[in-house]
Amino acid sequence: MGNIIYPFPLPVYQGFIVEKSFNIIKEDTYNFISQNIELFESIWDCPTKTTQHLPKHKNIKNTHLETQIKSNVENYFKVWDFNKSYNLKISEVWVNIAKKGEYQEEHHHGKSLFSGVLYINVNELSGNFNITNPLSSEGILMDFPDNLSNKYIIPPQNGMIILFPGWLTIQIKIEYQYHLI
């Protein structure tokens, strides 16, 4: 009888923003939303409103956020022991807002090496962060065991940052949250 191997690990990182920085980021995000609420639009095939369409200079800026993103990306690299070094930069940051029952459709950020989400305002009713198994379309040919399901689910928490390969398909069902991408 042979051994089962898992040749394709899925490098997804989950961490938390340092509390002092998170409180500053949260306050700055609330201020940004209140001062720019008219700029939020539904631009995707879902009801979530976003500032992703805005030029970079009009979107949210926060040095604490950038520092925390960089720190968590460094941890991501250490944990997964990536063999190649990259000259990484933060190319885009935007804010999404959604009301109870809204969602972020299934999508990927294919042009990015890595993408991420930071949860700012979630509660026990907030929807999960769903990662679609990249082998799922082929998976219809076989019955996957539970540990290799079609989706991997991460329940969100305030201050949680999730980093993932840009090509990975994700979906967010929202009960109530603000999140930065």
C-alpha atoms as a PDB file:
ATOM      1  CA  MET A   1       0.000   0.000   0.000  1.00  0.00           C
ATOM      2  CA  GLY A   2       1.497   3.354  -1.037  1.00  0.00           C
ATOM      3  CA  ASN A   3       1.582   6.573   0.902  1.00  0.00           C
ATOM      4  CA  ILE A   4      -0.544   9.572   0.038  1.00  0.00           C
ATOM      5  CA  ILE A   5       1.456  12.679  -0.842  1.00  0.00           C
ATOM      6  CA  TYR A   6       0.241  16.256  -1.255  1.00  0.00           C
ATOM      7  CA  PRO A   7       2.472  17.623  -4.027  1.00  0.00           C
ATOM      8  CA  PHE A   8       0.807  21.018  -4.430  1.00  0.00           C
ATOM      9  CA  PRO A   9       0.703  22.983  -1.188  1.00  0.00           C
ATOM     10  CA  LEU A  10      -1.500  26.053  -1.223  1.00  0.00           C
ATOM     11  CA  PRO A  11       0.475  28.943   0.287  1.00  0.00           C
ATOM     12  CA  VAL A  12      -2.166  31.043   2.075  1.00  0.00           C
ATOM     13  CA  TYR A  13      -1.112  33.193   5.022  1.00  0.00           C
ATOM     14  CA  GLN A  14      -3.327  34.220   7.926  1.00  0.00           C
ATOM     15  CA  GLY A  15      -2.096  36.669  10.556  1.00  0.00           C
ATOM     16  CA  PHE A  16      -3.190  39.585  12.680  1.00  0.00           C
ATOM     17  CA  ILE A  17      -2.334  43.257  12.632  1.00  0.00           C
ATOM     18  CA  VAL A  18      -0.623  44.561  15.778  1.00  0.00           C
ATOM     19  CA  GLU A  19      -3.416  45.961  17.991  1.00  0.00           C
ATOM     20  CA  LYS A  20      -2.059  49.509  18.316  1.00  0.00           C
ATOM     21  CA  SER A  21      -1.636  49.792  14.536  1.00  0.00           C
ATOM     22  CA  PHE A  22      -4.975  48.088  13.910  1.00  0.00           C
ATOM     23  CA  ASN A  23      -6.798  50.692  16.010  1.00  0.00           C
ATOM     24  CA  ILE A  24      -5.191  53.499  13.987  1.00  0.00           C
ATOM     25  CA  ILE A  25      -5.954  51.737  10.683  1.00  0.00           C
ATOM     26  CA  LYS A  26      -9.566  51.159  11.762  1.00  0.00           C
ATOM     27  CA  GLU A  27     -10.070  54.800  12.767  1.00  0.00           C
ATOM     28  CA  ASP A  28      -8.462  56.048   9.544  1.00  0.00           C
ATOM     29  CA  THR A  29     -10.653  53.659   7.519  1.00  0.00           C
ATOM     30  CA  TYR A  30     -13.842  54.891   9.208  1.00  0.00           C
ATOM     31  CA  ASN A  31     -12.765  58.498   8.547  1.00  0.00           C
ATOM     32  CA  PHE A  32     -11.968  57.697   4.912  1.00  0.00           C
ATOM     33  CA  ILE A  33     -15.374  56.052   4.450  1.00  0.00           C
ATOM     34  CA  SER A  34     -17.310  58.908   6.068  1.00  0.00           C
ATOM     35  CA  GLN A  35     -15.448  61.563   4.042  1.00  0.00           C
ATOM     36  CA  ASN A  36     -15.706  59.669   0.734  1.00  0.00           C
ATOM     37  CA  ILE A  37     -18.906  57.637   0.914  1.00  0.00           C
ATOM     38  CA  GLU A  38     -20.182  59.181  -2.338  1.00  0.00           C
ATOM     39  CA  LEU A  39     -17.147  57.752  -4.177  1.00  0.00           C
ATOM     40  CA  PHE A  40     -17.985  54.126  -3.332  1.00  0.00           C
ATOM     41  CA  GLU A  41     -19.544  52.273  -6.272  1.00  0.00           C
ATOM     42  CA  SER A  42     -20.672  48.769  -7.147  1.00  0.00           C
ATOM     43  CA  ILE A  43     -18.359  48.020 -10.086  1.00  0.00           C
ATOM     44  CA  TRP A  44     -18.383  44.221 -10.027  1.00  0.00           C
ATOM     45  CA  ASP A  45     -21.084  41.595 -10.507  1.00  0.00           C
ATOM     46  CA  CYS A  46     -22.071  41.931  -6.853  1.00  0.00           C
ATOM     47  CA  PRO A  47     -23.564  44.546  -4.530  1.00  0.00           C
ATOM     48  CA  THR A  48     -20.328  45.248  -2.622  1.00  0.00           C
ATOM     49  CA  LYS A  49     -19.299  48.900  -2.919  1.00  0.00           C
ATOM     50  CA  THR A  50     -15.654  49.757  -3.429  1.00  0.00           C
ATOM     51  CA  THR A  51     -13.084  52.455  -4.088  1.00  0.00           C
ATOM     52  CA  GLN A  52     -11.035  50.092  -6.277  1.00  0.00           C
ATOM     53  CA  HIS A  53     -11.955  52.143  -9.370  1.00  0.00           C
ATOM     54  CA  LEU A  54     -10.451  55.349  -7.961  1.00  0.00           C
ATOM     55  CA  PRO A  55      -7.007  56.595  -8.980  1.00  0.00           C
ATOM     56  CA  LYS A  56      -4.345  55.567  -6.480  1.00  0.00           C
ATOM     57  CA  HIS A  57      -3.872  59.130  -5.174  1.00  0.00           C
ATOM     58  CA  LYS A  58      -7.586  59.363  -4.243  1.00  0.00           C
ATOM     59  CA  ASN A  59      -7.723  56.041  -2.411  1.00  0.00           C
ATOM     60  CA  ILE A  60      -6.988  55.327   1.227  1.00  0.00           C
ATOM     61  CA  LYS A  61      -3.428  55.947   2.399  1.00  0.00           C
ATOM     62  CA  ASN A  62      -2.098  54.831   5.761  1.00  0.00           C
ATOM     63  CA  THR A  63       1.540  54.297   6.752  1.00  0.00           C
ATOM     64  CA  HIS A  64       0.521  51.953   9.589  1.00  0.00           C
ATOM     65  CA  LEU A  65      -1.367  49.818   7.087  1.00  0.00           C
ATOM     66  CA  GLU A  66       1.566  49.720   4.646  1.00  0.00           C
ATOM     67  CA  THR A  67       3.984  48.811   7.459  1.00  0.00           C
ATOM     68  CA  GLN A  68       1.702  46.014   8.663  1.00  0.00           C
ATOM     69  CA  ILE A  69       1.172  44.670   5.153  1.00  0.00           C
ATOM     70  CA  LYS A  70       4.939  44.599   4.565  1.00  0.00           C
ATOM     71  CA  SER A  71       5.560  42.916   7.930  1.00  0.00           C
ATOM     72  CA  ASN A  72       2.970  40.217   7.228  1.00  0.00           C
ATOM     73  CA  VAL A  73       4.303  39.644   3.700  1.00  0.00           C
ATOM     74  CA  GLU A  74       7.768  39.137   5.219  1.00  0.00           C
ATOM     75  CA  ASN A  75       6.263  36.585   7.628  1.00  0.00           C
ATOM     76  CA  TYR A  76       4.506  34.904   4.685  1.00  0.00           C
ATOM     77  CA  PHE A  77       7.861  34.527   2.931  1.00  0.00           C
ATOM     78  CA  LYS A  78       9.539  33.150   6.066  1.00  0.00           C
ATOM     79  CA  VAL A  79       6.792  30.638   6.831  1.00  0.00           C
ATOM     80  CA  TRP A  80       6.590  29.297   3.288  1.00  0.00           C
ATOM     81  CA  ASP A  81      10.335  29.548   2.662  1.00  0.00           C
ATOM     82  CA  PHE A  82       9.967  30.945  -0.844  1.00  0.00           C
ATOM     83  CA  ASN A  83      13.121  30.227  -2.839  1.00  0.00           C
ATOM     84  CA  LYS A  84      13.023  33.297  -5.017  1.00  0.00           C
ATOM     85  CA  SER A  85      13.367  36.859  -3.809  1.00  0.00           C
ATOM     86  CA  TYR A  86      10.989  39.392  -5.267  1.00  0.00           C
ATOM     87  CA  ASN A  87      11.148  43.159  -5.432  1.00  0.00           C
ATOM     88  CA  LEU A  88       7.690  43.586  -3.933  1.00  0.00           C
ATOM     89  CA  LYS A  89       5.704  46.787  -3.732  1.00  0.00           C
ATOM     90  CA  ILE A  90       2.158  47.589  -2.740  1.00  0.00           C
ATOM     91  CA  SER A  91       0.510  48.450  -6.028  1.00  0.00           C
ATOM     92  CA  GLU A  92      -3.087  49.042  -4.919  1.00  0.00           C
ATOM     93  CA  VAL A  93      -5.064  49.436  -1.714  1.00  0.00           C
ATOM     94  CA  TRP A  94      -8.786  50.072  -1.657  1.00  0.00           C
ATOM     95  CA  VAL A  95     -11.764  49.784   0.681  1.00  0.00           C
ATOM     96  CA  ASN A  96     -14.835  47.602   0.195  1.00  0.00           C
ATOM     97  CA  ILE A  97     -18.033  48.082   2.167  1.00  0.00           C
ATOM     98  CA  ALA A  98     -21.056  45.846   2.245  1.00  0.00           C
ATOM     99  CA  LYS A  99     -24.351  45.550   4.054  1.00  0.00           C
ATOM    100  CA  LYS A 100     -25.920  42.480   5.610  1.00  0.00           C
ATOM    101  CA  GLY A 101     -26.598  39.798   3.009  1.00  0.00           C
ATOM    102  CA  GLU A 102     -24.243  41.254   0.393  1.00  0.00           C
ATOM    103  CA  TYR A 103     -21.236  39.423  -0.982  1.00  0.00           C
ATOM    104  CA  GLN A 104     -18.101  39.668  -3.069  1.00  0.00           C
ATOM    105  CA  GLU A 105     -18.449  37.438  -6.102  1.00  0.00           C
ATOM    106  CA  GLU A 106     -16.003  34.653  -6.833  1.00  0.00           C
ATOM    107  CA  HIS A 107     -12.914  36.212  -8.404  1.00  0.00           C
ATOM    108  CA  HIS A 108      -9.115  36.283  -8.505  1.00  0.00           C
ATOM    109  CA  HIS A 109      -6.449  38.964  -8.788  1.00  0.00           C
ATOM    110  CA  GLY A 110      -4.512  37.290 -11.582  1.00  0.00           C
ATOM    111  CA  LYS A 111      -2.109  40.170 -12.283  1.00  0.00           C
ATOM    112  CA  SER A 112      -0.818  40.186  -8.705  1.00  0.00           C
ATOM    113  CA  LEU A 113       1.829  37.894  -7.307  1.00  0.00           C
ATOM    114  CA  PHE A 114       0.023  38.197  -3.959  1.00  0.00           C
ATOM    115  CA  SER A 115      -3.234  39.737  -2.836  1.00  0.00           C
ATOM    116  CA  GLY A 116      -4.785  40.127   0.541  1.00  0.00           C
ATOM    117  CA  VAL A 117      -7.662  41.231   2.680  1.00  0.00           C
ATOM    118  CA  LEU A 118      -7.687  42.945   6.064  1.00  0.00           C
ATOM    119  CA  TYR A 119     -10.879  42.702   8.101  1.00  0.00           C
ATOM    120  CA  ILE A 120     -11.773  45.936   9.899  1.00  0.00           C
ATOM    121  CA  ASN A 121     -15.327  45.461  11.211  1.00  0.00           C
ATOM    122  CA  VAL A 122     -16.726  41.947  11.490  1.00  0.00           C
ATOM    123  CA  ASN A 123     -18.878  40.154  14.023  1.00  0.00           C
ATOM    124  CA  GLU A 124     -20.146  36.605  14.602  1.00  0.00           C
ATOM    125  CA  LEU A 125     -22.629  37.004  11.739  1.00  0.00           C
ATOM    126  CA  SER A 126     -20.026  38.053   9.189  1.00  0.00           C
ATOM    127  CA  GLY A 127     -19.545  35.833   6.185  1.00  0.00           C
ATOM    128  CA  ASN A 128     -16.518  33.655   5.651  1.00  0.00           C
ATOM    129  CA  PHE A 129     -13.530  34.084   3.374  1.00  0.00           C
ATOM    130  CA  ASN A 130     -13.810  31.194   0.882  1.00  0.00           C
ATOM    131  CA  ILE A 131     -10.883  29.902  -1.121  1.00  0.00           C
ATOM    132  CA  THR A 132     -11.741  27.729  -4.113  1.00  0.00           C
ATOM    133  CA  ASN A 133      -9.630  24.635  -4.606  1.00  0.00           C
ATOM    134  CA  PRO A 134      -7.631  25.288  -7.809  1.00  0.00           C
ATOM    135  CA  LEU A 135      -8.168  21.642  -8.756  1.00  0.00           C
ATOM    136  CA  SER A 136     -11.939  21.849  -8.292  1.00  0.00           C
ATOM    137  CA  SER A 137     -12.902  21.735 -11.973  1.00  0.00           C
ATOM    138  CA  GLU A 138     -10.982  18.495 -12.369  1.00  0.00           C
ATOM    139  CA  GLY A 139     -12.303  17.318  -9.011  1.00  0.00           C
ATOM    140  CA  ILE A 140     -15.699  16.443 -10.464  1.00  0.00           C
ATOM    141  CA  LEU A 141     -14.049  13.296 -11.761  1.00  0.00           C
ATOM    142  CA  MET A 142     -13.292  12.054  -8.251  1.00  0.00           C
ATOM    143  CA  ASP A 143     -14.857  12.212  -4.828  1.00  0.00           C
ATOM    144  CA  PHE A 144     -12.477  14.355  -2.731  1.00  0.00           C
ATOM    145  CA  PRO A 145     -12.100  13.429   0.945  1.00  0.00           C
ATOM    146  CA  ASP A 146     -13.218  16.099   3.430  1.00  0.00           C
ATOM    147  CA  ASN A 147      -9.677  17.423   3.954  1.00  0.00           C
ATOM    148  CA  LEU A 148      -9.482  18.158   0.199  1.00  0.00           C
ATOM    149  CA  SER A 149     -12.827  19.861  -0.247  1.00  0.00           C
ATOM    150  CA  ASN A 150     -13.832  22.221  -3.041  1.00  0.00           C
ATOM    151  CA  LYS A 151     -13.558  25.256  -0.737  1.00  0.00           C
ATOM    152  CA  TYR A 152     -11.407  26.185   2.218  1.00  0.00           C
ATOM    153  CA  ILE A 153     -13.196  28.488   4.637  1.00  0.00           C
ATOM    154  CA  ILE A 154     -11.626  31.069   6.947  1.00  0.00           C
ATOM    155  CA  PRO A 155     -14.002  32.722   9.445  1.00  0.00           C
ATOM    156  CA  PRO A 156     -13.010  36.414   9.599  1.00  0.00           C
ATOM    157  CA  GLN A 157     -11.909  38.249  12.713  1.00  0.00           C
ATOM    158  CA  ASN A 158     -11.206  41.911  13.281  1.00  0.00           C
ATOM    159  CA  GLY A 159      -7.577  42.674  12.548  1.00  0.00           C
ATOM    160  CA  MET A 160      -7.122  39.473  10.528  1.00  0.00           C
ATOM    161  CA  ILE A 161      -5.014  39.747   7.402  1.00  0.00           C
ATOM    162  CA  ILE A 162      -5.121  37.004   4.776  1.00  0.00           C
ATOM    163  CA  LEU A 163      -2.488  36.924   2.026  1.00  0.00           C
ATOM    164  CA  PHE A 164      -2.778  34.589  -0.939  1.00  0.00           C
ATOM    165  CA  PRO A 165      -1.497  34.079  -4.492  1.00  0.00           C
ATOM    166  CA  GLY A 166      -3.221  36.505  -6.855  1.00  0.00           C
ATOM    167  CA  TRP A 167      -4.319  33.664  -9.168  1.00  0.00           C
ATOM    168  CA  LEU A 168      -6.254  31.924  -6.390  1.00  0.00           C
ATOM    169  CA  THR A 169     -10.048  32.192  -6.684  1.00  0.00           C
ATOM    170  CA  ILE A 170     -11.769  33.627  -3.612  1.00  0.00           C
ATOM    171  CA  GLN A 171     -15.290  34.614  -2.582  1.00  0.00           C
ATOM    172  CA  ILE A 172     -16.672  36.504   0.399  1.00  0.00           C
ATOM    173  CA  LYS A 173     -20.259  36.239   1.627  1.00  0.00           C
ATOM    174  CA  ILE A 174     -20.960  39.205   3.816  1.00  0.00           C
ATOM    175  CA  GLU A 175     -23.209  39.579   6.783  1.00  0.00           C
ATOM    176  CA  TYR A 176     -21.475  42.782   7.861  1.00  0.00           C
ATOM    177  CA  GLN A 177     -17.893  43.942   7.371  1.00  0.00           C
ATOM    178  CA  TYR A 178     -15.492  46.546   6.137  1.00  0.00           C
ATOM    179  CA  HIS A 179     -12.376  45.186   4.572  1.00  0.00           C
ATOM    180  CA  LEU A 180      -9.370  46.518   2.797  1.00  0.00           C
ATOM    181  CA  ILE A 181      -7.928  44.807  -0.216  1.00  0.00           C
END
